Amino acid sequence: MPRSLVNRLLEELKIPDDDSLYIVLYTLEGRKPPKEFYIHLARLMDKGLIEKFTVGSIICRGIRTAMVIKKVTERYSIKARVFRVVEIVK
């Protein structure tokens, strides 16, 4: 059975992971992404790597996870930016 895109990217990315919080913002620009996009995100959620996900934004832990999400968005021609959370204001 072939490995999923998410599993392959998690193995291939040689980025030292950290415990920082990241926000990935993406824009669909009026398009609807294919269901596979959401399946990939669900796989990351099942692994406990995504903390919160709404349309247009994803909160995750670790730079490696954030970059996997960015690569998944690029696969479907979705523009995305990754931000590291420095401080949470309450």
Protein backbone atom coordinates (compact mmCIF):
# COMPACT_ATOMS: atom_id res chain seq x y z
CA MET A 1 0.00 0.00 0.00
CA PRO A 2 1.48 3.39 -0.97
CA ARG A 3 2.23 5.87 1.80
CA SER A 4 -0.02 8.89 2.08
CA LEU A 5 1.30 12.28 1.01
CA VAL A 6 1.29 13.44 4.63
CA ASN A 7 3.30 10.45 5.87
CA ARG A 8 5.77 10.80 3.02
CA LEU A 9 6.28 14.53 3.67
CA LEU A 10 6.68 13.98 7.41
CA GLU A 11 9.44 11.46 6.67
CA GLU A 12 11.13 13.45 3.90
CA LEU A 13 11.29 16.89 5.50
CA LYS A 14 14.61 17.09 7.29
CA ILE A 15 13.67 20.05 9.47
CA PRO A 16 14.49 19.87 13.18
CA ASP A 17 11.10 20.04 14.86
CA ASP A 18 10.26 22.30 17.75
CA ASP A 19 7.40 22.71 20.18
CA SER A 20 6.39 26.21 19.02
CA LEU A 21 2.87 27.04 17.94
CA TYR A 22 2.34 27.93 14.27
CA ILE A 23 -0.53 29.39 12.31
CA VAL A 24 -0.89 28.54 8.64
CA LEU A 25 -3.15 30.96 6.79
CA TYR A 26 -4.33 29.96 3.35
CA THR A 27 -6.59 31.51 0.76
CA LEU A 28 -8.81 29.62 -1.63
CA GLU A 29 -9.46 32.67 -3.85
CA GLY A 30 -13.06 31.71 -4.56
CA ARG A 31 -12.23 28.09 -5.35
CA LYS A 32 -13.23 24.99 -3.53
CA PRO A 33 -10.31 22.66 -2.77
CA PRO A 34 -10.65 18.99 -3.62
CA LYS A 35 -11.78 16.65 -0.86
CA GLU A 36 -8.26 15.14 -0.80
CA PHE A 37 -6.99 18.42 0.67
CA TYR A 38 -9.25 17.95 3.68
CA ILE A 39 -8.36 14.25 3.90
CA HIS A 40 -4.68 15.22 4.25
CA LEU A 41 -5.54 17.71 7.00
CA ALA A 42 -7.66 15.06 8.74
CA ARG A 43 -4.67 12.69 8.73
CA LEU A 44 -2.59 15.35 10.49
CA MET A 45 -5.39 15.91 12.99
CA ASP A 46 -5.59 12.16 13.66
CA LYS A 47 -1.87 12.22 14.48
CA GLY A 48 -2.49 15.06 16.95
CA LEU A 49 -0.39 17.50 14.91
CA ILE A 50 -3.15 20.03 14.22
CA GLU A 51 -4.71 21.73 17.23
CA LYS A 52 -7.44 23.72 15.47
CA PHE A 53 -8.60 24.03 11.90
CA THR A 54 -11.12 26.35 10.27
CA VAL A 55 -11.50 27.37 6.66
CA GLY A 56 -8.53 29.62 5.92
CA SER A 57 -6.46 28.91 9.03
CA ILE A 58 -4.77 26.04 10.81
CA ILE A 59 -3.10 26.08 14.23
CA CYS A 60 -0.44 23.43 14.63
CA ARG A 61 2.54 22.60 16.79
CA GLY A 62 6.02 22.31 15.29
CA ILE A 63 7.69 23.83 12.25
CA ARG A 64 7.81 20.46 10.50
CA THR A 65 4.02 20.11 10.69
CA ALA A 66 3.56 23.70 9.49
CA MET A 67 5.80 23.06 6.49
CA VAL A 68 3.98 19.80 5.67
CA ILE A 69 0.71 21.76 5.64
CA LYS A 70 2.30 24.39 3.38
CA LYS A 71 3.48 21.70 0.98
CA VAL A 72 0.00 20.14 0.93
CA THR A 73 -1.51 23.53 0.07
CA GLU A 74 1.05 24.02 -2.71
CA ARG A 75 0.11 20.64 -4.18
CA TYR A 76 -3.42 21.99 -4.75
CA SER A 77 -2.24 25.47 -5.90
CA ILE A 78 -3.50 27.09 -2.70
CA LYS A 79 -1.51 30.07 -1.45
CA ALA A 80 -0.39 29.76 2.16
CA ARG A 81 1.78 31.61 4.68
CA VAL A 82 3.27 30.22 7.87
CA PHE A 83 3.56 32.28 11.05
CA ARG A 84 5.22 31.31 14.33
CA VAL A 85 3.25 32.43 17.39
CA VAL A 86 5.53 34.45 19.64
CA GLU A 87 3.03 35.55 22.24
CA ILE A 88 -0.60 34.81 22.94
CA VAL A 89 -2.41 37.90 24.19
CA LYS A 90 -5.29 37.16 26.53
